[in-house]
Amino acid sequence: TVPLDGSREAYRALRAAGAEVKYTEFPGVAHGSWNPAFSMP
């Protein structure tokens, strides 16, 4: 639904801008990645 590159490119741009960034990619997860995200400890 939303290309994975949307987050990957944002991560790269934020790092290049000097921001502190955590990046988590869920293998095999489709658009509903908020479900595993909210479950992260």
ModelCIF file with pLDDT and N, C-alpha, C, O atoms, coordinates in Angstrom:
data_MODEL
#
_entry.id   MODEL 
#
_entity.id                         1 
_entity.type                       polymer 
_entity.pdbx_number_of_molecules   1 
#
_entity_poly.entity_id                      1 
_entity_poly.type                           'polypeptide(L)' 
_entity_poly.nstd_linkage                   no 
_entity_poly.nstd_monomer                   no 
_entity_poly.pdbx_seq_one_letter_code       TVPLDGSREAYRALRAAGAEVKYTEFPGVAHGSWNPAFSMP 
_entity_poly.pdbx_seq_one_letter_code_can   TVPLDGSREAYRALRAAGAEVKYTEFPGVAHGSWNPAFSMP 
_entity_poly.pdbx_strand_id                 A 
#
loop_
_entity_poly_seq.entity_id 
_entity_poly_seq.num 
_entity_poly_seq.mon_id 
_entity_poly_seq.hetero 
1 1  THR n 
1 2  VAL n 
1 3  PRO n 
1 4  LEU n 
1 5  ASP n 
1 6  GLY n 
1 7  SER n 
1 8  ARG n 
1 9  GLU n 
1 10 ALA n 
1 11 TYR n 
1 12 ARG n 
1 13 ALA n 
1 14 LEU n 
1 15 ARG n 
1 16 ALA n 
1 17 ALA n 
1 18 GLY n 
1 19 ALA n 
1 20 GLU n 
1 21 VAL n 
1 22 LYS n 
1 23 TYR n 
1 24 THR n 
1 25 GLU n 
1 26 PHE n 
1 27 PRO n 
1 28 GLY n 
1 29 VAL n 
1 30 ALA n 
1 31 HIS n 
1 32 GLY n 
1 33 SER n 
1 34 TRP n 
1 35 ASN n 
1 36 PRO n 
1 37 ALA n 
1 38 PHE n 
1 39 SER n 
1 40 MET n 
1 41 PRO n 
#
_struct_asym.id          A 
_struct_asym.entity_id   1 
#
loop_
_ma_qa_metric.id 
_ma_qa_metric.mode 
_ma_qa_metric.name 
_ma_qa_metric.software_group_id 
_ma_qa_metric.type 
1 global pLDDT . pLDDT 
2 local  pLDDT . pLDDT 
#
_ma_qa_metric_global.metric_id      1 
_ma_qa_metric_global.metric_value   97.93 
_ma_qa_metric_global.model_id       1 
_ma_qa_metric_global.ordinal_id     1 
#
loop_
_ma_qa_metric_local.label_asym_id 
_ma_qa_metric_local.label_comp_id 
_ma_qa_metric_local.label_seq_id 
_ma_qa_metric_local.metric_id 
_ma_qa_metric_local.metric_value 
_ma_qa_metric_local.model_id 
_ma_qa_metric_local.ordinal_id 
A THR 1  2 98.00 1 1  
A VAL 2  2 98.00 1 2  
A PRO 3  2 98.00 1 3  
A LEU 4  2 98.00 1 4  
A ASP 5  2 98.00 1 5  
A GLY 6  2 98.00 1 6  
A SER 7  2 98.00 1 7  
A ARG 8  2 98.00 1 8  
A GLU 9  2 98.00 1 9  
A ALA 10 2 98.00 1 10 
A TYR 11 2 98.00 1 11 
A ARG 12 2 98.00 1 12 
A ALA 13 2 98.00 1 13 
A LEU 14 2 98.00 1 14 
A ARG 15 2 98.00 1 15 
A ALA 16 2 98.00 1 16 
A ALA 17 2 98.00 1 17 
A GLY 18 2 98.00 1 18 
A ALA 19 2 98.00 1 19 
A GLU 20 2 98.00 1 20 
A VAL 21 2 98.00 1 21 
A LYS 22 2 98.00 1 22 
A TYR 23 2 98.00 1 23 
A THR 24 2 98.00 1 24 
A GLU 25 2 98.00 1 25 
A PHE 26 2 98.00 1 26 
A PRO 27 2 98.00 1 27 
A GLY 28 2 98.00 1 28 
A VAL 29 2 98.00 1 29 
A ALA 30 2 98.00 1 30 
A HIS 31 2 98.00 1 31 
A GLY 32 2 97.00 1 32 
A SER 33 2 98.00 1 33 
A TRP 34 2 98.00 1 34 
A ASN 35 2 98.00 1 35 
A PRO 36 2 98.00 1 36 
A ALA 37 2 98.00 1 37 
A PHE 38 2 98.00 1 38 
A SER 39 2 97.00 1 39 
A MET 40 2 98.00 1 40 
A PRO 41 2 97.00 1 41 
#
loop_
_atom_site.group_PDB 
_atom_site.id 
_atom_site.type_symbol 
_atom_site.label_atom_id 
_atom_site.label_alt_id 
_atom_site.label_comp_id 
_atom_site.label_asym_id 
_atom_site.label_entity_id 
_atom_site.label_seq_id 
_atom_site.pdbx_PDB_ins_code 
_atom_site.Cartn_x 
_atom_site.Cartn_y 
_atom_site.Cartn_z 
_atom_site.occupancy 
_atom_site.B_iso_or_equiv 
_atom_site.pdbx_formal_charge 
_atom_site.auth_seq_id 
_atom_site.auth_comp_id 
_atom_site.auth_asym_id 
_atom_site.auth_atom_id 
_atom_site.pdbx_PDB_model_num 
ATOM 1   N N  . THR A 1 1  ? 0.833  -1.209  0.000  1.00 98.00 ? 1  THR A N  1 
ATOM 2   C CA . THR A 1 1  ? 0.000  0.000   0.000  1.00 98.00 ? 1  THR A CA 1 
ATOM 3   C C  . THR A 1 1  ? 0.865  1.256   0.000  1.00 98.00 ? 1  THR A C  1 
ATOM 4   O O  . THR A 1 1  ? 0.700  2.135   -0.846 1.00 98.00 ? 1  THR A O  1 
ATOM 5   N N  . VAL A 1 2  ? 1.781  1.331   0.948  1.00 98.00 ? 2  VAL A N  1 
ATOM 6   C CA . VAL A 1 2  ? 2.753  2.432   1.000  1.00 98.00 ? 2  VAL A CA 1 
ATOM 7   C C  . VAL A 1 2  ? 4.132  1.808   0.799  1.00 98.00 ? 2  VAL A C  1 
ATOM 8   O O  . VAL A 1 2  ? 4.520  0.926   1.565  1.00 98.00 ? 2  VAL A O  1 
ATOM 9   N N  . PRO A 1 3  ? 4.880  2.248   -0.219 1.00 98.00 ? 3  PRO A N  1 
ATOM 10  C CA . PRO A 1 3  ? 6.158  1.609   -0.536 1.00 98.00 ? 3  PRO A CA 1 
ATOM 11  C C  . PRO A 1 3  ? 7.118  1.595   0.650  1.00 98.00 ? 3  PRO A C  1 
ATOM 12  O O  . PRO A 1 3  ? 7.238  2.582   1.377  1.00 98.00 ? 3  PRO A O  1 
ATOM 13  N N  . LEU A 1 4  ? 7.793  0.477   0.834  1.00 98.00 ? 4  LEU A N  1 
ATOM 14  C CA . LEU A 1 4  ? 8.794  0.358   1.886  1.00 98.00 ? 4  LEU A CA 1 
ATOM 15  C C  . LEU A 1 4  ? 9.865  1.442   1.760  1.00 98.00 ? 4  LEU A C  1 
ATOM 16  O O  . LEU A 1 4  ? 10.396 1.914   2.765  1.00 98.00 ? 4  LEU A O  1 
ATOM 17  N N  . ASP A 1 5  ? 10.180 1.835   0.521  1.00 98.00 ? 5  ASP A N  1 
ATOM 18  C CA . ASP A 1 5  ? 11.182 2.885   0.312  1.00 98.00 ? 5  ASP A CA 1 
ATOM 19  C C  . ASP A 1 5  ? 10.768 4.202   0.960  1.00 98.00 ? 5  ASP A C  1 
ATOM 20  O O  . ASP A 1 5  ? 11.616 5.053   1.226  1.00 98.00 ? 5  ASP A O  1 
ATOM 21  N N  . GLY A 1 6  ? 9.463  4.377   1.218  1.00 98.00 ? 6  GLY A N  1 
ATOM 22  C CA . GLY A 1 6  ? 9.036  5.593   1.906  1.00 98.00 ? 6  GLY A CA 1 
ATOM 23  C C  . GLY A 1 6  ? 9.730  5.755   3.242  1.00 98.00 ? 6  GLY A C  1 
ATOM 24  O O  . GLY A 1 6  ? 10.155 6.854   3.596  1.00 98.00 ? 6  GLY A O  1 
ATOM 25  N N  . SER A 1 7  ? 9.847  4.656   3.992  1.00 98.00 ? 7  SER A N  1 
ATOM 26  C CA . SER A 1 7  ? 10.527 4.704   5.287  1.00 98.00 ? 7  SER A CA 1 
ATOM 27  C C  . SER A 1 7  ? 12.036 4.610   5.147  1.00 98.00 ? 7  SER A C  1 
ATOM 28  O O  . SER A 1 7  ? 12.775 5.274   5.873  1.00 98.00 ? 7  SER A O  1 
ATOM 29  N N  . ARG A 1 8  ? 12.494 3.780   4.208  1.00 98.00 ? 8  ARG A N  1 
ATOM 30  C CA . ARG A 1 8  ? 13.943 3.642   4.032  1.00 98.00 ? 8  ARG A CA 1 
ATOM 31  C C  . ARG A 1 8  ? 14.588 4.958   3.603  1.00 98.00 ? 8  ARG A C  1 
ATOM 32  O O  . ARG A 1 8  ? 15.632 5.350   4.124  1.00 98.00 ? 8  ARG A O  1 
ATOM 33  N N  . GLU A 1 9  ? 13.954 5.631   2.650  1.00 98.00 ? 9  GLU A N  1 
ATOM 34  C CA . GLU A 1 9  ? 14.499 6.906   2.179  1.00 98.00 ? 9  GLU A CA 1 
ATOM 35  C C  . GLU A 1 9  ? 14.409 7.976   3.265  1.00 98.00 ? 9  GLU A C  1 
ATOM 36  O O  . GLU A 1 9  ? 15.312 8.802   3.399  1.00 98.00 ? 9  GLU A O  1 
ATOM 37  N N  . ALA A 1 10 ? 13.320 7.961   4.042  1.00 98.00 ? 10 ALA A N  1 
ATOM 38  C CA . ALA A 1 10 ? 13.198 8.922   5.144  1.00 98.00 ? 10 ALA A CA 1 
ATOM 39  C C  . ALA A 1 10 ? 14.295 8.690   6.174  1.00 98.00 ? 10 ALA A C  1 
ATOM 40  O O  . ALA A 1 10 ? 14.883 9.642   6.688  1.00 98.00 ? 10 ALA A O  1 
ATOM 41  N N  . TYR A 1 11 ? 14.567 7.425   6.473  1.00 98.00 ? 11 TYR A N  1 
ATOM 42  C CA . TYR A 1 11 ? 15.630 7.090   7.426  1.00 98.00 ? 11 TYR A CA 1 
ATOM 43  C C  . TYR A 1 11 ? 16.976 7.631   6.944  1.00 98.00 ? 11 TYR A C  1 
ATOM 44  O O  . TYR A 1 11 ? 17.714 8.252   7.709  1.00 98.00 ? 11 TYR A O  1 
ATOM 45  N N  . ARG A 1 12 ? 17.283 7.391   5.677  1.00 98.00 ? 12 ARG A N  1 
ATOM 46  C CA . ARG A 1 12 ? 18.562 7.869   5.136  1.00 98.00 ? 12 ARG A CA 1 
ATOM 47  C C  . ARG A 1 12 ? 18.636 9.398   5.184  1.00 98.00 ? 12 ARG A C  1 
ATOM 48  O O  . ARG A 1 12 ? 19.668 9.962   5.550  1.00 98.00 ? 12 ARG A O  1 
ATOM 49  N N  . ALA A 1 13 ? 17.552 10.057  4.819  1.00 98.00 ? 13 ALA A N  1 
ATOM 50  C CA . ALA A 1 13 ? 17.551 11.522  4.801  1.00 98.00 ? 13 ALA A CA 1 
ATOM 51  C C  . ALA A 1 13 ? 17.659 12.095  6.212  1.00 98.00 ? 13 ALA A C  1 
ATOM 52  O O  . ALA A 1 13 ? 18.345 13.093  6.430  1.00 98.00 ? 13 ALA A O  1 
ATOM 53  N N  . LEU A 1 14 ? 16.988 11.468  7.155  1.00 98.00 ? 14 LEU A N  1 
ATOM 54  C CA . LEU A 1 14 ? 17.062 11.936  8.540  1.00 98.00 ? 14 LEU A CA 1 
ATOM 55  C C  . LEU A 1 14 ? 18.465 11.750  9.110  1.00 98.00 ? 14 LEU A C  1 
ATOM 56  O O  . LEU A 1 14 ? 18.980 12.628  9.803  1.00 98.00 ? 14 LEU A O  1 
ATOM 57  N N  . ARG A 1 15 ? 19.075 10.619  8.820  1.00 98.00 ? 15 ARG A N  1 
ATOM 58  C CA . ARG A 1 15 ? 20.447 10.394  9.280  1.00 98.00 ? 15 ARG A CA 1 
ATOM 59  C C  . ARG A 1 15 ? 21.392 11.409  8.661  1.00 98.00 ? 15 ARG A C  1 
ATOM 60  O O  . ARG A 1 15 ? 22.275 11.933  9.340  1.00 98.00 ? 15 ARG A O  1 
ATOM 61  N N  . ALA A 1 16 ? 21.211 11.692  7.371  1.00 98.00 ? 16 ALA A N  1 
ATOM 62  C CA . ALA A 1 16 ? 22.059 12.667  6.691  1.00 98.00 ? 16 ALA A CA 1 
ATOM 63  C C  . ALA A 1 16 ? 21.864 14.066  7.272  1.00 98.00 ? 16 ALA A C  1 
ATOM 64  O O  . ALA A 1 16 ? 22.779 14.890  7.253  1.00 98.00 ? 16 ALA A O  1 
ATOM 65  N N  . ALA A 1 17 ? 20.649 14.327  7.794  1.00 98.00 ? 17 ALA A N  1 
ATOM 66  C CA . ALA A 1 17 ? 20.360 15.636  8.395  1.00 98.00 ? 17 ALA A CA 1 
ATOM 67  C C  . ALA A 1 17 ? 20.868 15.744  9.826  1.00 98.00 ? 17 ALA A C  1 
ATOM 68  O O  . ALA A 1 17 ? 20.774 16.803  10.447 1.00 98.00 ? 17 ALA A O  1 
ATOM 69  N N  . GLY A 1 18 ? 21.405 14.647  10.346 1.00 98.00 ? 18 GLY A N  1 
ATOM 70  C CA . GLY A 1 18 ? 21.961 14.665  11.695 1.00 98.00 ? 18 GLY A CA 1 
ATOM 71  C C  . GLY A 1 18 ? 20.991 14.252  12.781 1.00 98.00 ? 18 GLY A C  1 
ATOM 72  O O  . GLY A 1 18 ? 21.274 14.437  13.965 1.00 98.00 ? 18 GLY A O  1 
ATOM 73  N N  . ALA A 1 19 ? 19.826 13.684  12.390 1.00 98.00 ? 19 ALA A N  1 
ATOM 74  C CA . ALA A 1 19 ? 18.830 13.294  13.381 1.00 98.00 ? 19 ALA A CA 1 
ATOM 75  C C  . ALA A 1 19 ? 19.160 11.933  13.991 1.00 98.00 ? 19 ALA A C  1 
ATOM 76  O O  . ALA A 1 19 ? 19.828 11.103  13.374 1.00 98.00 ? 19 ALA A O  1 
ATOM 77  N N  . GLU A 1 20 ? 18.683 11.729  15.203 1.00 98.00 ? 20 GLU A N  1 
ATOM 78  C CA . GLU A 1 20 ? 18.798 10.433  15.877 1.00 98.00 ? 20 GLU A CA 1 
ATOM 79  C C  . GLU A 1 20 ? 17.570 9.610   15.488 1.00 98.00 ? 20 GLU A C  1 
ATOM 80  O O  . GLU A 1 20 ? 16.440 10.018  15.757 1.00 98.00 ? 20 GLU A O  1 
ATOM 81  N N  . VAL A 1 21 ? 17.786 8.448   14.853 1.00 98.00 ? 21 VAL A N  1 
ATOM 82  C CA . VAL A 1 21 ? 16.680 7.676   14.277 1.00 98.00 ? 21 VAL A CA 1 
ATOM 83  C C  . VAL A 1 21 ? 16.792 6.201   14.633 1.00 98.00 ? 21 VAL A C  1 
ATOM 84  O O  . VAL A 1 21 ? 17.850 5.593   14.467 1.00 98.00 ? 21 VAL A O  1 
ATOM 85  N N  . LYS A 1 22 ? 15.689 5.627   15.128 1.00 98.00 ? 22 LYS A N  1 
ATOM 86  C CA . LYS A 1 22 ? 15.540 4.182   15.265 1.00 98.00 ? 22 LYS A CA 1 
ATOM 87  C C  . LYS A 1 22 ? 14.737 3.712   14.059 1.00 98.00 ? 22 LYS A C  1 
ATOM 88  O O  . LYS A 1 22 ? 13.748 4.338   13.678 1.00 98.00 ? 22 LYS A O  1 
ATOM 89  N N  . TYR A 1 23 ? 15.169 2.610   13.466 1.00 98.00 ? 23 TYR A N  1 
ATOM 90  C CA . TYR A 1 23 ? 14.446 2.089   12.306 1.00 98.00 ? 23 TYR A CA 1 
ATOM 91  C C  . TYR A 1 23 ? 14.154 0.613   12.511 1.00 98.00 ? 23 TYR A C  1 
ATOM 92  O O  . TYR A 1 23 ? 15.062 -0.175  12.775 1.00 98.00 ? 23 TYR A O  1 
ATOM 93  N N  . THR A 1 24 ? 12.864 0.234   12.387 1.00 98.00 ? 24 THR A N  1 
ATOM 94  C CA . THR A 1 24 ? 12.463 -1.152  12.573 1.00 98.00 ? 24 THR A CA 1 
ATOM 95  C C  . THR A 1 24 ? 11.666 -1.603  11.359 1.00 98.00 ? 24 THR A C  1 
ATOM 96  O O  . THR A 1 24 ? 10.659 -0.996  10.995 1.00 98.00 ? 24 THR A O  1 
ATOM 97  N N  . GLU A 1 25 ? 12.136 -2.681  10.741 1.00 98.00 ? 25 GLU A N  1 
ATOM 98  C CA . GLU A 1 25 ? 11.473 -3.244  9.562  1.00 98.00 ? 25 GLU A CA 1 
ATOM 99  C C  . GLU A 1 25 ? 10.974 -4.640  9.923  1.00 98.00 ? 25 GLU A C  1 
ATOM 100 O O  . GLU A 1 25 ? 11.741 -5.472  10.408 1.00 98.00 ? 25 GLU A O  1 
ATOM 101 N N  . PHE A 1 26 ? 9.694  -4.893  9.687  1.00 98.00 ? 26 PHE A N  1 
ATOM 102 C CA . PHE A 1 26 ? 9.096  -6.167  10.064 1.00 98.00 ? 26 PHE A CA 1 
ATOM 103 C C  . PHE A 1 26 ? 9.052  -7.116  8.860  1.00 98.00 ? 26 PHE A C  1 
ATOM 104 O O  . PHE A 1 26 ? 8.330  -6.839  7.901  1.00 98.00 ? 26 PHE A O  1 
ATOM 105 N N  . PRO A 1 27 ? 9.796  -8.218  8.880  1.00 98.00 ? 27 PRO A N  1 
ATOM 106 C CA . PRO A 1 27 ? 9.802  -9.173  7.755  1.00 98.00 ? 27 PRO A CA 1 
ATOM 107 C C  . PRO A 1 27 ? 8.426  -9.823  7.566  1.00 98.00 ? 27 PRO A C  1 
ATOM 108 O O  . PRO A 1 27 ? 7.810  -10.293 8.522  1.00 98.00 ? 27 PRO A O  1 
ATOM 109 N N  . GLY A 1 28 ? 7.963  -9.840  6.324  1.00 98.00 ? 28 GLY A N  1 
ATOM 110 C CA . GLY A 1 28 ? 6.715  -10.512 5.999  1.00 98.00 ? 28 GLY A CA 1 
ATOM 111 C C  . GLY A 1 28 ? 5.456  -9.790  6.399  1.00 98.00 ? 28 GLY A C  1 
ATOM 112 O O  . GLY A 1 28 ? 4.360  -10.306 6.180  1.00 98.00 ? 28 GLY A O  1 
ATOM 113 N N  . VAL A 1 29 ? 5.575  -8.612  6.977  1.00 98.00 ? 29 VAL A N  1 
ATOM 114 C CA . VAL A 1 29 ? 4.400  -7.853  7.434  1.00 98.00 ? 29 VAL A CA 1 
ATOM 115 C C  . VAL A 1 29 ? 3.943  -6.915  6.331  1.00 98.00 ? 29 VAL A C  1 
ATOM 116 O O  . VAL A 1 29 ? 4.753  -6.223  5.714  1.00 98.00 ? 29 VAL A O  1 
ATOM 117 N N  . ALA A 1 30 ? 2.631  -6.897  6.088  1.00 98.00 ? 30 ALA A N  1 
ATOM 118 C CA . ALA A 1 30 ? 2.071  -6.032  5.045  1.00 98.00 ? 30 ALA A CA 1 
ATOM 119 C C  . ALA A 1 30 ? 1.791  -4.649  5.625  1.00 98.00 ? 30 ALA A C  1 
ATOM 120 O O  . ALA A 1 30 ? 2.566  -4.151  6.441  1.00 98.00 ? 30 ALA A O  1 
ATOM 121 N N  . HIS A 1 31 ? 0.689  -4.026  5.209  1.00 98.00 ? 31 HIS A N  1 
ATOM 122 C CA . HIS A 1 31 ? 0.476  -2.619  5.566  1.00 98.00 ? 31 HIS A CA 1 
ATOM 123 C C  . HIS A 1 31 ? 0.176  -2.404  7.048  1.00 98.00 ? 31 HIS A C  1 
ATOM 124 O O  . HIS A 1 31 ? 0.436  -1.323  7.577  1.00 98.00 ? 31 HIS A O  1 
ATOM 125 N N  . GLY A 1 32 ? -0.360 -3.402  7.712  1.00 97.00 ? 32 GLY A N  1 
ATOM 126 C CA . GLY A 1 32 ? -0.729 -3.205  9.115  1.00 97.00 ? 32 GLY A CA 1 
ATOM 127 C C  . GLY A 1 32 ? 0.430  -3.293  10.080 1.00 97.00 ? 32 GLY A C  1 
ATOM 128 O O  . GLY A 1 32 ? 0.328  -3.966  11.105 1.00 97.00 ? 32 GLY A O  1 
ATOM 129 N N  . SER A 1 33 ? 1.513  -2.639  9.781  1.00 98.00 ? 33 SER A N  1 
ATOM 130 C CA . SER A 1 33 ? 2.713  -2.749  10.625 1.00 98.00 ? 33 SER A CA 1 
ATOM 131 C C  . SER A 1 33 ? 2.552  -2.045  11.966 1.00 98.00 ? 33 SER A C  1 
ATOM 132 O O  . SER A 1 33 ? 3.412  -2.170  12.838 1.00 98.00 ? 33 SER A O  1 
ATOM 133 N N  . TRP A 1 34 ? 1.461  -1.307  12.139 1.00 98.00 ? 34 TRP A N  1 
ATOM 134 C CA . TRP A 1 34 ? 1.225  -0.693  13.448 1.00 98.00 ? 34 TRP A CA 1 
ATOM 135 C C  . TRP A 1 34 ? 0.966  -1.761  14.513 1.00 98.00 ? 34 TRP A C  1 
ATOM 136 O O  . TRP A 1 34 ? 1.263  -1.539  15.687 1.00 98.00 ? 34 TRP A O  1 
ATOM 137 N N  . ASN A 1 35 ? 0.423  -2.905  14.128 1.00 98.00 ? 35 ASN A N  1 
ATOM 138 C CA . ASN A 1 35 ? 0.139  -3.952  15.125 1.00 98.00 ? 35 ASN A CA 1 
ATOM 139 C C  . ASN A 1 35 ? 1.415  -4.470  15.779 1.00 98.00 ? 35 ASN A C  1 
ATOM 140 O O  . ASN A 1 35 ? 1.497  -4.461  17.007 1.00 98.00 ? 35 ASN A O  1 
ATOM 141 N N  . PRO A 1 36 ? 2.422  -4.924  15.015 1.00 98.00 ? 36 PRO A N  1 
ATOM 142 C CA . PRO A 1 36 ? 3.672  -5.326  15.685 1.00 98.00 ? 36 PRO A CA 1 
ATOM 143 C C  . PRO A 1 36 ? 4.410  -4.141  16.300 1.00 98.00 ? 36 PRO A C  1 
ATOM 144 O O  . PRO A 1 36 ? 5.120  -4.306  17.292 1.00 98.00 ? 36 PRO A O  1 
ATOM 145 N N  . ALA A 1 37 ? 4.254  -2.946  15.725 1.00 98.00 ? 37 ALA A N  1 
ATOM 146 C CA . ALA A 1 37 ? 4.934  -1.772  16.293 1.00 98.00 ? 37 ALA A CA 1 
ATOM 147 C C  . ALA A 1 37 ? 4.437  -1.495  17.706 1.00 98.00 ? 37 ALA A C  1 
ATOM 148 O O  . ALA A 1 37 ? 5.236  -1.285  18.618 1.00 98.00 ? 37 ALA A O  1 
ATOM 149 N N  . PHE A 1 38 ? 3.104  -1.493  17.892 1.00 98.00 ? 38 PHE A N  1 
ATOM 150 C CA . PHE A 1 38 ? 2.546  -1.232  19.216 1.00 98.00 ? 38 PHE A CA 1 
ATOM 151 C C  . PHE A 1 38 ? 2.905  -2.327  20.214 1.00 98.00 ? 38 PHE A C  1 
ATOM 152 O O  . PHE A 1 38 ? 2.886  -2.101  21.424 1.00 98.00 ? 38 PHE A O  1 
ATOM 153 N N  . SER A 1 39 ? 3.233  -3.514  19.703 1.00 97.00 ? 39 SER A N  1 
ATOM 154 C CA . SER A 1 39 ? 3.574  -4.638  20.582 1.00 97.00 ? 39 SER A CA 1 
ATOM 155 C C  . SER A 1 39 ? 5.047  -4.679  20.952 1.00 97.00 ? 39 SER A C  1 
ATOM 156 O O  . SER A 1 39 ? 5.448  -5.490  21.786 1.00 97.00 ? 39 SER A O  1 
ATOM 157 N N  . MET A 1 40 ? 5.851  -3.829  20.354 1.00 98.00 ? 40 MET A N  1 
ATOM 158 C CA . MET A 1 40 ? 7.277  -3.813  20.688 1.00 98.00 ? 40 MET A CA 1 
ATOM 159 C C  . MET A 1 40 ? 7.460  -3.412  22.152 1.00 98.00 ? 40 MET A C  1 
ATOM 160 O O  . MET A 1 40 ? 6.870  -2.426  22.593 1.00 98.00 ? 40 MET A O  1 
ATOM 161 N N  . PRO A 1 41 ? 8.263  -4.155  22.908 1.00 97.00 ? 41 PRO A N  1 
ATOM 162 C CA . PRO A 1 41 ? 8.390  -3.864  24.344 1.00 97.00 ? 41 PRO A CA 1 
ATOM 163 C C  . PRO A 1 41 ? 8.964  -2.492  24.648 1.00 97.00 ? 41 PRO A C  1 
ATOM 164 O O  . PRO A 1 41 ? 9.119  -2.133  25.815 1.00 97.00 ? 41 PRO A O  1 
#
